[in-house]
Amino acid sequence: MDSLTQFVLGAAVGVAVLGRRLGPRRAAITGGLIGILPDLDILVPAADTVDAFVSHRGFSHSLVVQAAVTPLIGEGMVRFIAALRRQRLQTYAAVYLCLATHALLDGLTVYGTKLLWPLSMEPYAVGSIFIIDILYTLPLLVATVWALFLPQWSGRSPRMGTVIAAALVLSSAYQVWCFTAQQVVTARAGALLEKAGITPERILAIPTPFNSYLWRVIAVHGDRYLNLYIPLFAAPGLTTVYAHPRNLALAGCLSGNRAFERLAWFSRGYFRLDRRGKELVFSDLRMGMTPDYVFSYAIAGRIGGTMQAIPPRRLTAPPPSDEDVDWLFANIAHGATVRPAESAAWIETARLSPTPAKTAALEGCYYSPSNS
């Protein structure tokens, strides 16, 4: 999640556990700062841009590592903050909860979080909430701002406990709503695909930007993937579907390409390959919107007549267009509007079929002129 959300989550946890000892203001600041510590892993040097991408949310987001460092951080607080000198266990609990809630919240996004590093290198990624969601953040933000205006737990401060409890309950309830909505949408997409005779190798429902009502379901089916846009409470006829090629034949050019192997593993198979000029580009389908994915990398290039690995380079996605904003609101309002950026790939749901996309012809690991 975004840094603001992680700060206010840590602040709310800090006030809930230490507010009476430190005062709401100091507890909020302390908890907020601890809550954003795991994201400092972005400062760790990486071999290249791909390694930086796949290694983020690694050791610093591990519940195991966080348990190990909790006594170090907690003991420092106990020794240097007079109000906590007789509150060692409570301080340790606050530290661990601020760190662990950060990692668990990130695990609910689609990026992936190595919660059990080094026991397991598998990233956990539920994908039930968008990386920025004001409905989740708002209760925590209100509670944090309230706490920052109260230096002492006295007078009106007892109400602070009610506010913090309400914020944590509301934000947690919203996560339950998001997860439930994800399961409902996944089931609806599965039923639609089954009716069309399509059995996808993998399927993933993720919310569209900044909301939890309109969902994008990615269904990987051979050398194509389907984007299904489903408003949560809309009739089945308001689902729109788009079919795109994955261009897996281009993977034949990437034998031994370390960047490709790392990205393919991290994406869990939700990826596509494209030729752009003389370069081959890998795109993670889970983050961003077709065709402008947030994480796209040029990983190979035609050099001296052959395809060779190049130092991976992240490609910058353009900002959302006005057309996409209009499309998003229209579909949230049950407009079933065709998305302009994917209009050429739109398919009527009644015409969905299990026929996979044809594999493109290749010339020297490039599309032939007739297919370019």
Protein backbone atom coordinates (compact mmCIF):
# COMPACT_ATOMS: atom_id res chain seq x y z
CA MET A 1 0.00 0.00 0.00
CA ASP A 2 1.01 3.65 -0.27
CA SER A 3 3.22 5.23 2.41
CA LEU A 4 0.45 7.44 3.82
CA THR A 5 -1.76 4.42 4.46
CA GLN A 6 1.07 2.51 6.09
CA PHE A 7 1.90 5.49 8.29
CA VAL A 8 -1.65 6.01 9.55
CA LEU A 9 -2.11 2.26 10.10
CA GLY A 10 1.05 2.19 12.21
CA ALA A 11 -0.07 5.35 14.00
CA ALA A 12 -3.44 3.84 14.88
CA VAL A 13 -1.82 0.66 16.19
CA GLY A 14 0.70 2.73 18.16
CA VAL A 15 -2.04 4.77 19.84
CA ALA A 16 -4.11 1.65 20.57
CA VAL A 17 -1.20 -0.05 22.38
CA LEU A 18 0.91 2.81 23.77
CA GLY A 19 -1.42 5.82 23.76
CA ARG A 20 -2.07 5.79 27.50
CA ARG A 21 1.65 5.66 28.31
CA LEU A 22 3.08 8.00 25.69
CA GLY A 23 0.08 10.18 24.99
CA PRO A 24 -1.84 10.00 21.70
CA ARG A 25 0.46 12.38 19.80
CA ARG A 26 3.75 10.67 20.64
CA ALA A 27 2.24 7.22 20.23
CA ALA A 28 0.85 8.13 16.80
CA ILE A 29 4.17 9.53 15.58
CA THR A 30 6.13 6.59 17.00
CA GLY A 31 3.76 4.00 15.58
CA GLY A 32 3.61 5.72 12.21
CA LEU A 33 7.40 5.83 11.87
CA ILE A 34 7.75 2.17 12.85
CA GLY A 35 4.94 1.34 10.44
CA ILE A 36 6.84 2.63 7.41
CA LEU A 37 10.20 1.07 8.34
CA PRO A 38 9.71 -2.07 6.17
CA ASP A 39 9.63 0.05 3.00
CA LEU A 40 13.19 1.22 3.62
CA ASP A 41 14.26 -1.90 1.73
CA ILE A 42 14.07 0.23 -1.40
CA LEU A 43 17.39 1.72 -0.23
CA VAL A 44 19.15 -1.66 -0.47
CA PRO A 45 21.32 -1.74 -3.64
CA ALA A 46 20.12 -4.12 -6.35
CA ALA A 47 21.97 -5.65 -9.28
CA ASP A 48 19.57 -4.09 -11.78
CA THR A 49 16.05 -2.73 -12.12
CA VAL A 50 14.51 -6.21 -12.34
CA ASP A 51 16.21 -7.37 -9.15
CA ALA A 52 14.99 -4.21 -7.43
CA PHE A 53 11.46 -5.03 -8.59
CA VAL A 54 11.34 -8.67 -7.49
CA SER A 55 13.29 -8.22 -4.24
CA HIS A 56 11.10 -5.41 -2.84
CA ARG A 57 8.85 -6.55 0.02
CA GLY A 58 11.39 -9.21 0.86
CA PHE A 59 13.30 -9.62 4.12
CA SER A 60 12.02 -6.37 5.65
CA HIS A 61 8.42 -7.52 5.15
CA SER A 62 9.00 -10.97 6.63
CA LEU A 63 6.99 -11.74 9.77
CA VAL A 64 9.94 -13.92 10.83
CA VAL A 65 12.52 -11.15 10.46
CA GLN A 66 10.19 -8.63 12.07
CA ALA A 67 9.87 -10.90 15.11
CA ALA A 68 13.66 -11.09 15.29
CA VAL A 69 14.22 -7.32 15.15
CA THR A 70 11.35 -6.42 17.48
CA PRO A 71 13.48 -6.83 20.66
CA LEU A 72 16.16 -4.57 19.18
CA ILE A 73 13.76 -1.75 18.34
CA GLY A 74 11.65 -2.32 21.44
CA GLU A 75 14.63 -2.34 23.80
CA GLY A 76 15.89 0.89 22.30
CA MET A 77 12.50 2.49 22.97
CA VAL A 78 12.39 1.16 26.51
CA ARG A 79 15.86 2.52 27.30
CA PHE A 80 15.42 5.95 25.73
CA ILE A 81 11.76 6.74 26.46
CA ALA A 82 11.21 7.14 30.18
CA ALA A 83 7.47 6.49 30.01
CA LEU A 84 8.12 2.99 28.62
CA ARG A 85 10.79 1.76 31.03
CA ARG A 86 8.36 -0.45 32.92
CA GLN A 87 6.38 -1.41 29.81
CA ARG A 88 8.80 -3.72 28.00
CA LEU A 89 6.32 -6.38 26.85
CA GLN A 90 3.74 -3.78 25.83
CA THR A 91 6.41 -1.89 23.89
CA TYR A 92 7.59 -5.05 22.16
CA ALA A 93 3.99 -5.88 21.25
CA ALA A 94 3.47 -2.41 19.77
CA VAL A 95 6.64 -2.65 17.68
CA TYR A 96 5.78 -6.04 16.27
CA LEU A 97 2.17 -5.12 15.54
CA CYS A 98 3.22 -1.95 13.70
CA LEU A 99 5.68 -3.93 11.55
CA ALA A 100 3.47 -6.98 11.01
CA THR A 101 0.33 -5.06 10.05
CA HIS A 102 2.40 -3.29 7.36
CA ALA A 103 3.49 -6.64 5.89
CA LEU A 104 0.04 -8.24 6.14
CA LEU A 105 -1.62 -5.24 4.50
CA ASP A 106 0.87 -5.38 1.63
CA GLY A 107 0.09 -9.07 1.28
CA LEU A 108 -3.50 -8.16 0.44
CA THR A 109 -2.36 -6.22 -2.64
CA VAL A 110 -1.43 -7.92 -5.90
CA TYR A 111 2.29 -7.06 -5.89
CA GLY A 112 3.45 -9.87 -3.65
CA THR A 113 5.00 -9.93 -0.17
CA LYS A 114 7.51 -12.51 1.11
CA LEU A 115 5.84 -12.92 4.49
CA LEU A 116 7.90 -15.96 5.54
CA TRP A 117 11.35 -15.04 4.19
CA PRO A 118 13.80 -16.86 4.48
CA LEU A 119 11.70 -19.94 5.30
CA SER A 120 9.82 -19.43 2.04
CA MET A 121 10.72 -17.20 -0.90
CA GLU A 122 7.17 -17.36 -2.29
CA PRO A 123 5.49 -13.93 -2.45
CA TYR A 124 1.98 -13.89 -0.97
CA ALA A 125 -0.40 -11.75 -2.99
CA VAL A 126 -4.15 -11.83 -2.41
CA GLY A 127 -4.92 -8.90 -4.72
CA SER A 128 -8.16 -7.96 -2.97
CA ILE A 129 -7.40 -4.25 -2.59
CA PHE A 130 -5.93 -1.63 -4.90
CA ILE A 131 -2.62 -0.15 -3.78
CA ILE A 132 -4.38 3.15 -2.99
CA ASP A 133 -7.92 3.01 -1.61
CA ILE A 134 -9.26 6.05 0.22
CA LEU A 135 -12.13 4.08 1.78
CA TYR A 136 -9.60 1.96 3.66
CA THR A 137 -7.28 4.83 4.53
CA LEU A 138 -9.85 7.46 5.57
CA PRO A 139 -10.89 6.08 9.01
CA LEU A 140 -7.24 5.60 9.97
CA LEU A 141 -6.34 9.07 8.71
CA VAL A 142 -9.11 10.72 10.74
CA ALA A 143 -8.05 8.85 13.88
CA THR A 144 -4.39 9.76 13.35
CA VAL A 145 -5.12 13.46 12.84
CA TRP A 146 -7.28 13.42 15.97
CA ALA A 147 -4.44 11.82 17.95
CA LEU A 148 -1.91 14.38 16.75
CA PHE A 149 -3.95 17.13 18.43
CA LEU A 150 -3.90 15.39 21.83
CA PRO A 151 -0.55 15.51 23.64
CA GLN A 152 -1.86 13.81 26.81
CA TRP A 153 -4.28 10.94 27.52
CA SER A 154 -6.55 13.02 29.73
CA GLY A 155 -9.65 15.20 29.51
CA ARG A 156 -11.11 14.35 26.11
CA SER A 157 -8.52 11.63 25.50
CA PRO A 158 -10.71 8.72 26.67
CA ARG A 159 -12.72 9.36 23.49
CA MET A 160 -9.47 8.77 21.65
CA GLY A 161 -9.68 5.09 22.53
CA THR A 162 -13.13 4.88 20.98
CA VAL A 163 -11.99 6.70 17.84
CA ILE A 164 -8.94 4.45 17.39
CA ALA A 165 -10.99 1.29 17.97
CA ALA A 166 -13.62 2.45 15.49
CA ALA A 167 -10.97 3.27 12.87
CA LEU A 168 -9.32 -0.13 13.18
CA VAL A 169 -12.66 -1.96 13.10
CA LEU A 170 -13.92 -0.01 10.08
CA SER A 171 -10.71 -0.44 8.10
CA SER A 172 -10.60 -4.16 8.91
CA ALA A 173 -14.26 -4.55 7.95
CA TYR A 174 -13.51 -2.87 4.64
CA GLN A 175 -10.79 -5.46 3.98
CA VAL A 176 -13.33 -8.21 4.62
CA TRP A 177 -15.68 -6.51 2.15
CA CYS A 178 -12.92 -6.38 -0.49
CA PHE A 179 -11.97 -10.02 -0.03
CA THR A 180 -15.61 -11.12 -0.18
CA ALA A 181 -16.18 -9.03 -3.31
CA GLN A 182 -13.13 -10.64 -4.91
CA GLN A 183 -14.53 -14.13 -4.29
CA VAL A 184 -17.94 -13.16 -5.69
CA VAL A 185 -16.43 -11.65 -8.84
CA THR A 186 -14.10 -14.61 -9.35
CA ALA A 187 -17.03 -17.00 -9.17
CA ARG A 188 -19.04 -14.93 -11.66
CA ALA A 189 -16.13 -14.79 -14.09
CA GLY A 190 -15.58 -18.53 -13.72
CA ALA A 191 -19.22 -19.24 -14.49
CA LEU A 192 -19.14 -17.03 -17.58
CA LEU A 193 -15.97 -18.71 -18.88
CA GLU A 194 -17.31 -22.19 -18.14
CA LYS A 195 -20.45 -21.41 -20.12
CA ALA A 196 -18.23 -20.43 -23.06
CA GLY A 197 -16.25 -23.67 -22.74
CA ILE A 198 -13.09 -21.90 -21.58
CA THR A 199 -10.94 -23.42 -18.85
CA PRO A 200 -8.24 -20.89 -17.97
CA GLU A 201 -4.88 -22.03 -16.60
CA ARG A 202 -5.07 -19.28 -14.02
CA ILE A 203 -7.55 -16.62 -13.04
CA LEU A 204 -7.18 -13.55 -10.85
CA ALA A 205 -9.67 -10.85 -9.82
CA ILE A 206 -8.23 -7.47 -8.88
CA PRO A 207 -9.97 -4.13 -8.29
CA THR A 208 -9.68 -1.38 -10.87
CA PRO A 209 -7.91 1.80 -9.69
CA PHE A 210 -9.02 3.50 -6.48
CA ASN A 211 -12.19 1.48 -5.85
CA SER A 212 -13.51 -1.93 -4.86
CA TYR A 213 -16.67 -2.01 -6.97
CA LEU A 214 -15.47 -2.46 -10.57
CA TRP A 215 -13.16 -5.46 -10.90
CA ARG A 216 -10.82 -6.70 -13.60
CA VAL A 217 -10.56 -10.46 -13.86
CA ILE A 218 -7.51 -11.74 -15.75
CA ALA A 219 -8.00 -15.20 -17.24
CA VAL A 220 -4.89 -16.73 -18.81
CA HIS A 221 -5.80 -19.16 -21.57
CA GLY A 222 -2.92 -20.48 -23.64
CA ASP A 223 -1.35 -17.79 -25.77
CA ARG A 224 -4.04 -15.26 -24.91
CA TYR A 225 -5.45 -13.62 -21.84
CA LEU A 226 -8.89 -12.22 -21.25
CA ASN A 227 -9.69 -9.04 -19.34
CA LEU A 228 -13.19 -9.25 -17.89
CA TYR A 229 -14.52 -6.04 -16.31
CA ILE A 230 -17.27 -6.82 -13.81
CA PRO A 231 -19.19 -4.32 -11.64
CA LEU A 232 -19.92 -6.12 -8.38
CA PHE A 233 -23.71 -5.72 -8.26
CA ALA A 234 -24.43 -5.43 -11.97
CA ALA A 235 -26.34 -7.91 -14.09
CA PRO A 236 -24.20 -10.44 -16.03
CA GLY A 237 -24.94 -8.61 -19.27
CA LEU A 238 -22.93 -5.61 -18.06
CA THR A 239 -19.65 -7.57 -18.04
CA THR A 240 -17.28 -6.54 -20.83
CA VAL A 241 -14.58 -8.85 -22.16
CA TYR A 242 -11.37 -8.22 -24.12
CA ALA A 243 -8.97 -10.81 -25.58
CA HIS A 244 -5.26 -10.06 -25.97
CA PRO A 245 -2.27 -12.08 -27.20
CA ARG A 246 0.51 -13.09 -24.83
CA ASN A 247 2.98 -13.75 -27.68
CA LEU A 248 4.56 -16.70 -25.89
CA ALA A 249 6.41 -17.74 -29.04
CA LEU A 250 8.77 -14.86 -28.35
CA ALA A 251 9.93 -16.69 -25.22
CA GLY A 252 11.99 -18.84 -27.56
CA CYS A 253 14.30 -15.85 -27.93
CA LEU A 254 14.84 -15.65 -24.18
CA SER A 255 16.53 -18.93 -23.32
CA GLY A 256 18.93 -18.28 -20.47
CA ASN A 257 17.73 -14.70 -20.07
CA ARG A 258 17.96 -14.17 -16.30
CA ALA A 259 15.69 -11.12 -16.28
CA PHE A 260 12.96 -13.07 -18.08
CA GLU A 261 13.25 -16.02 -15.71
CA ARG A 262 13.03 -13.76 -12.65
CA LEU A 263 10.08 -11.78 -14.00
CA ALA A 264 8.16 -14.85 -15.19
CA TRP A 265 8.51 -16.40 -11.71
CA PHE A 266 7.50 -13.22 -9.90
CA SER A 267 4.47 -12.62 -12.14
CA ARG A 268 3.18 -16.15 -11.48
CA GLY A 269 2.53 -16.57 -15.18
CA TYR A 270 0.50 -13.37 -15.58
CA PHE A 271 2.64 -11.80 -18.26
CA ARG A 272 2.86 -11.01 -21.94
CA LEU A 273 5.74 -10.44 -24.34
CA ASP A 274 5.87 -7.83 -27.07
CA ARG A 275 8.19 -6.67 -29.79
CA ARG A 276 8.82 -2.95 -29.69
CA GLY A 277 11.25 -1.88 -32.36
CA LYS A 278 14.38 -3.96 -31.89
CA GLU A 279 13.57 -4.90 -28.31
CA LEU A 280 11.52 -7.56 -26.56
CA VAL A 281 9.41 -6.27 -23.70
CA PHE A 282 8.04 -8.17 -20.70
CA SER A 283 4.87 -6.81 -19.04
CA ASP A 284 3.35 -7.95 -15.74
CA LEU A 285 -0.39 -8.15 -16.40
CA ARG A 286 -1.42 -7.73 -12.76
CA MET A 287 -0.44 -4.09 -12.30
CA GLY A 288 -1.69 -1.33 -14.54
CA MET A 289 -4.20 -1.49 -17.37
CA THR A 290 -3.76 -2.91 -20.86
CA PRO A 291 -1.71 -1.79 -22.73
CA ASP A 292 -0.03 0.55 -20.24
CA TYR A 293 1.23 -1.73 -17.51
CA VAL A 294 3.08 -0.27 -14.54
CA PHE A 295 5.86 -2.83 -14.71
CA SER A 296 7.13 -3.35 -18.25
CA TYR A 297 10.78 -4.09 -18.99
CA ALA A 298 12.88 -4.21 -22.13
CA ILE A 299 14.91 -7.37 -21.49
CA ALA A 300 16.34 -8.37 -24.87
CA GLY A 301 17.38 -6.65 -28.08
CA ARG A 302 18.48 -7.49 -31.59
CA ILE A 303 22.22 -7.06 -31.68
CA GLY A 304 24.29 -8.01 -34.71
CA GLY A 305 21.45 -9.99 -36.24
CA THR A 306 20.74 -12.11 -33.16
CA MET A 307 18.54 -11.65 -30.12
CA GLN A 308 20.59 -11.09 -26.98
CA ALA A 309 19.96 -10.19 -23.37
CA ILE A 310 20.39 -6.50 -22.61
CA PRO A 311 20.61 -4.70 -19.27
CA PRO A 312 16.93 -4.63 -18.31
CA ARG A 313 15.28 -1.24 -18.52
CA ARG A 314 11.94 -0.32 -17.01
CA LEU A 315 9.59 1.42 -19.43
CA THR A 316 7.53 4.31 -18.14
CA ALA A 317 3.77 3.94 -18.48
CA PRO A 318 1.81 7.04 -19.51
CA PRO A 319 -0.55 8.59 -16.95
CA PRO A 320 -4.25 7.62 -17.10
CA SER A 321 -6.08 9.35 -19.92
CA ASP A 322 -9.33 11.30 -19.61
CA GLU A 323 -10.94 8.55 -21.67
CA ASP A 324 -9.98 5.96 -19.07
CA VAL A 325 -11.34 8.08 -16.24
CA ASP A 326 -14.63 8.51 -18.10
CA TRP A 327 -14.74 4.78 -18.84
CA LEU A 328 -14.10 3.90 -15.19
CA PHE A 329 -16.94 6.06 -13.89
CA ALA A 330 -19.29 4.91 -16.64
CA ASN A 331 -18.76 1.24 -15.77
CA ILE A 332 -19.06 1.84 -12.05
CA ALA A 333 -22.44 3.37 -12.93
CA HIS A 334 -23.33 0.19 -14.90
CA GLY A 335 -22.79 1.78 -18.29
CA ALA A 336 -21.00 -1.29 -19.76
CA THR A 337 -18.98 1.13 -21.88
CA VAL A 338 -16.27 -0.34 -24.10
CA ARG A 339 -12.84 0.79 -22.95
CA PRO A 340 -11.25 2.90 -25.73
CA ALA A 341 -7.73 1.61 -25.08
CA GLU A 342 -8.94 -1.98 -25.61
CA SER A 343 -11.71 -1.43 -28.14
CA ALA A 344 -9.94 -3.44 -30.86
CA ALA A 345 -9.83 -6.45 -28.52
CA TRP A 346 -13.45 -6.26 -27.34
CA ILE A 347 -15.51 -9.46 -27.65
CA GLU A 348 -19.22 -9.92 -27.14
CA THR A 349 -19.70 -12.32 -24.27
CA ALA A 350 -22.02 -14.42 -26.43
CA ARG A 351 -19.15 -14.95 -28.89
CA LEU A 352 -16.59 -16.14 -26.38
CA SER A 353 -15.08 -19.45 -27.46
CA PRO A 354 -12.36 -21.80 -26.23
CA THR A 355 -10.38 -21.35 -29.44
CA PRO A 356 -6.93 -20.07 -28.43
CA ALA A 357 -5.24 -17.23 -30.25
CA LYS A 358 -3.04 -18.29 -33.14
CA THR A 359 0.67 -18.39 -32.52
CA ALA A 360 2.40 -15.66 -34.50
CA ALA A 361 4.93 -16.64 -37.15
CA LEU A 362 8.50 -15.77 -36.26
CA GLU A 363 11.56 -14.71 -38.20
CA GLY A 364 14.74 -14.77 -36.20
CA CYS A 365 12.74 -14.38 -33.00
CA TYR A 366 10.70 -11.56 -34.52
CA TYR A 367 7.27 -11.51 -36.03
CA SER A 368 7.37 -11.98 -39.76
CA PRO A 369 6.52 -8.85 -41.79
CA SER A 370 3.05 -10.22 -42.55
CA ASN A 371 2.27 -10.42 -38.85
CA SER A 372 3.96 -7.28 -37.57
